[in-house]
Protein backbone atom coordinates (compact mmCIF):
# COMPACT_ATOMS: atom_id res chain seq x y z
CA MET A 1 -46.99 331.40 -104.30
CA SER A 2 -45.60 330.32 -107.73
CA ASP A 3 -46.92 327.75 -109.87
CA PRO A 4 -45.33 324.41 -109.44
CA ALA A 5 -44.85 323.98 -113.04
CA LYS A 6 -43.15 327.35 -113.47
CA VAL A 7 -40.77 326.27 -110.35
CA ARG A 8 -40.01 323.19 -112.27
CA ARG A 9 -39.18 324.83 -115.57
CA HIS A 10 -37.11 327.57 -113.67
CA ALA A 11 -35.11 324.82 -111.58
CA GLU A 12 -34.16 323.14 -115.14
CA ARG A 13 -33.11 326.18 -116.64
CA VAL A 14 -30.95 326.84 -113.65
CA ARG A 15 -29.51 323.66 -113.83
CA GLU A 16 -28.87 324.05 -117.88
CA LEU A 17 -27.31 327.47 -117.24
CA VAL A 18 -24.94 326.65 -114.48
CA ALA A 19 -23.70 323.46 -116.39
CA SER A 20 -23.41 325.80 -119.62
CA VAL A 21 -21.42 328.35 -117.60
CA VAL A 22 -19.25 325.99 -115.59
CA ARG A 23 -18.23 324.19 -119.04
CA SER A 24 -17.39 327.34 -121.04
CA GLN A 25 -16.77 330.43 -118.82
CA ILE A 26 -14.99 329.34 -115.48
CA LYS A 27 -11.40 328.72 -116.09
CA ASP A 28 -10.41 327.89 -112.41
CA PRO A 29 -7.56 325.22 -112.36
CA ARG A 30 -9.45 323.83 -109.12
CA LEU A 31 -12.42 323.03 -111.12
CA GLY A 32 -12.46 319.10 -111.77
CA MET A 33 -14.44 316.95 -113.76
CA ILE A 34 -17.82 318.10 -112.62
CA THR A 35 -21.41 317.34 -113.61
CA ILE A 36 -24.45 319.32 -112.67
CA THR A 37 -27.02 316.70 -111.83
CA ASP A 38 -29.94 318.61 -110.33
CA ALA A 39 -31.21 322.06 -109.26
CA ARG A 40 -34.16 322.85 -107.10
CA ILE A 41 -35.35 326.20 -106.58
CA THR A 42 -37.73 327.74 -103.78
CA ALA A 43 -41.50 328.56 -104.59
CA ASP A 44 -40.62 332.10 -104.24
CA LEU A 45 -37.89 331.68 -106.54
CA ARG A 46 -35.16 333.15 -104.26
CA ASP A 47 -33.00 330.34 -103.51
CA ALA A 48 -31.59 327.78 -105.55
CA THR A 49 -29.72 324.61 -104.76
CA VAL A 50 -27.39 323.20 -107.29
CA PHE A 51 -26.27 319.60 -107.02
CA TYR A 52 -22.98 318.29 -108.63
CA THR A 53 -20.90 315.35 -108.83
CA VAL A 54 -17.10 315.38 -109.34
CA LEU A 55 -14.90 312.57 -110.57
CA GLY A 56 -11.90 311.91 -108.51
CA ASP A 57 -10.93 311.93 -104.90
CA ALA A 58 -11.43 314.01 -102.07
CA ALA A 59 -8.87 316.47 -102.98
CA ALA A 60 -10.62 317.07 -106.46
CA GLN A 61 -14.04 317.26 -104.60
CA SER A 62 -12.86 320.26 -102.10
CA GLY A 63 -11.01 321.94 -105.07
CA THR A 64 -14.15 322.03 -107.20
CA ALA A 65 -16.38 323.33 -104.21
CA ALA A 66 -13.89 326.05 -103.77
CA ALA A 67 -14.06 326.90 -107.50
CA LEU A 68 -17.80 327.06 -107.13
CA GLU A 69 -17.77 329.16 -104.35
CA SER A 70 -15.45 331.76 -105.97
CA ALA A 71 -17.43 331.74 -109.19
CA LYS A 72 -20.63 332.06 -107.24
CA GLY A 73 -21.12 335.66 -108.11
CA MET A 74 -20.69 335.43 -111.74
CA LEU A 75 -22.92 332.22 -112.10
CA ARG A 76 -25.73 334.07 -109.81
CA SER A 77 -25.77 337.17 -112.32
CA THR A 78 -25.79 334.74 -115.37
CA VAL A 79 -28.73 332.89 -113.86
CA GLY A 80 -30.55 336.15 -113.23
CA LYS A 81 -30.13 337.83 -116.37
CA ALA A 82 -31.23 334.55 -118.32
CA LEU A 83 -34.34 334.19 -116.10
CA GLY A 84 -35.72 337.61 -116.11
CA LEU A 85 -36.59 337.51 -112.59
CA ARG A 86 -36.72 340.41 -110.42
CA HIS A 87 -34.50 339.11 -107.92
CA SER A 88 -31.69 336.98 -108.93
CA PRO A 89 -31.78 333.60 -106.97
CA THR A 90 -28.78 332.91 -104.45
CA LEU A 91 -27.12 329.84 -105.46
CA THR A 92 -25.96 327.11 -102.94
CA PHE A 93 -23.73 324.18 -104.29
CA VAL A 94 -24.12 320.87 -102.74
CA LEU A 95 -21.98 317.77 -103.66
CA ASP A 96 -24.28 315.25 -104.69
CA ASP A 97 -23.18 311.65 -103.33
CA VAL A 98 -25.16 309.18 -105.42
CA GLN A 99 -22.12 307.46 -106.46
CA ASP A 100 -21.21 306.90 -102.72
CA GLN A 101 -24.65 305.74 -101.75
CA VAL A 102 -24.57 303.41 -104.95
CA LYS A 103 -21.57 301.98 -104.14
CA HIS A 104 -22.85 301.32 -100.26
CA ILE A 105 -25.93 299.52 -101.36
CA ASP A 106 -23.77 297.37 -103.92
CA ASP A 107 -21.67 296.37 -100.90
CA LEU A 108 -24.69 295.55 -98.81
CA LEU A 109 -26.34 293.58 -101.55
CA ALA A 110 -23.16 291.66 -101.93
CA GLN A 111 -23.17 290.62 -98.32
CA ALA A 112 -26.51 289.62 -98.52
CA ARG A 113 -25.87 287.48 -101.62
CA HIS A 114 -22.83 285.85 -99.56
CA ALA A 115 -25.23 285.35 -96.53
CA ASP A 116 -27.64 283.74 -98.63
CA ALA A 117 -25.11 281.50 -100.26
CA GLU A 118 -24.05 280.53 -96.78
CA VAL A 119 -27.46 279.73 -95.63
CA GLN A 120 -27.99 277.62 -98.80
CA ARG A 121 -24.90 275.68 -98.29
CA LEU A 122 -25.92 275.20 -94.48
CA ALA A 123 -29.42 273.93 -95.68
CA ALA A 124 -28.01 271.48 -98.25
CA ARG A 125 -26.24 269.66 -95.33
CA ALA A 126 -29.12 269.76 -92.65
CA GLU A 127 -30.74 266.71 -91.30
CA TYR A 128 -34.09 266.65 -89.60
CA ALA A 129 -34.15 266.75 -85.89
CA GLY A 130 -36.84 264.00 -85.25
CA GLU A 131 -38.49 262.01 -87.85
CA ALA A 132 -38.62 263.32 -91.51
CA GLN A 133 -42.20 263.37 -91.38
CA PRO A 134 -43.35 264.45 -87.91
CA TYR A 135 -47.11 264.64 -88.78
CA ARG A 136 -49.57 261.84 -88.97
CA LEU A 137 -50.79 260.70 -92.07
CA GLU A 138 -54.21 259.56 -92.72
CA ASP A 139 -53.29 255.93 -93.44
CA GLU A 140 -51.60 255.91 -89.86
CA ALA A 141 -54.54 257.59 -88.49
CA ASP A 142 -56.82 255.11 -89.69
CA GLU A 143 -54.86 252.19 -88.09
CA ASP A 144 -54.63 253.82 -84.92
CA THR A 145 -58.37 254.39 -84.70
CA GLU A 146 -58.99 250.81 -85.52
CA GLU A 147 -56.89 249.70 -82.62
CA THR A 148 -58.45 251.85 -80.26
CA GLU A 149 -61.78 250.90 -81.12
CA GLU A 150 -60.87 247.10 -80.37
CA ALA A 151 -59.58 248.11 -77.08
CA ASP A 152 -62.84 249.64 -76.19
CA GLU A 153 -64.84 246.82 -77.16
CA PRO A 154 -65.91 244.64 -73.95
CA ARG A 155 -64.50 241.14 -74.32
CA SER A 156 -66.68 238.11 -73.38
CA GLY A 157 -65.40 237.34 -70.19
CA ASP A 158 -65.12 240.87 -68.72
CA ARG A 159 -67.47 242.20 -66.52
CA ARG A 160 -68.70 245.73 -66.75
């Protein structure tokens, strides 16, 4: 349908426009400390998804989501005029939970480090179940073959 480079440029422009309008024109008190992180637009340039993060707790996130929903019409008209497209893209706002995922990954890494330290601690005190060297060395192998060769030789008094 559309050129992928053109779609990327429009998506970047949508991100910039929404961030600018949110910063300067929306005066909703429910709007928290918001950052527009990304925007994606479909190949037919009809639907745009805007990703955002909010500094604060769940109440700040829900208040910001409500403020963005109420300002969606103004944001859509501003984006449509600025892009100069035949149809203004519909805007969908999605909370970007990258920070939560980063925290979860950090927690998992901390658990892995703790488990590795525990394994290292246990390995330092470990002892061999059998001999320290369970494999036959070449020196011992030579001695064993000599003994078996001597046992295989007939003795002078033995009959065969």
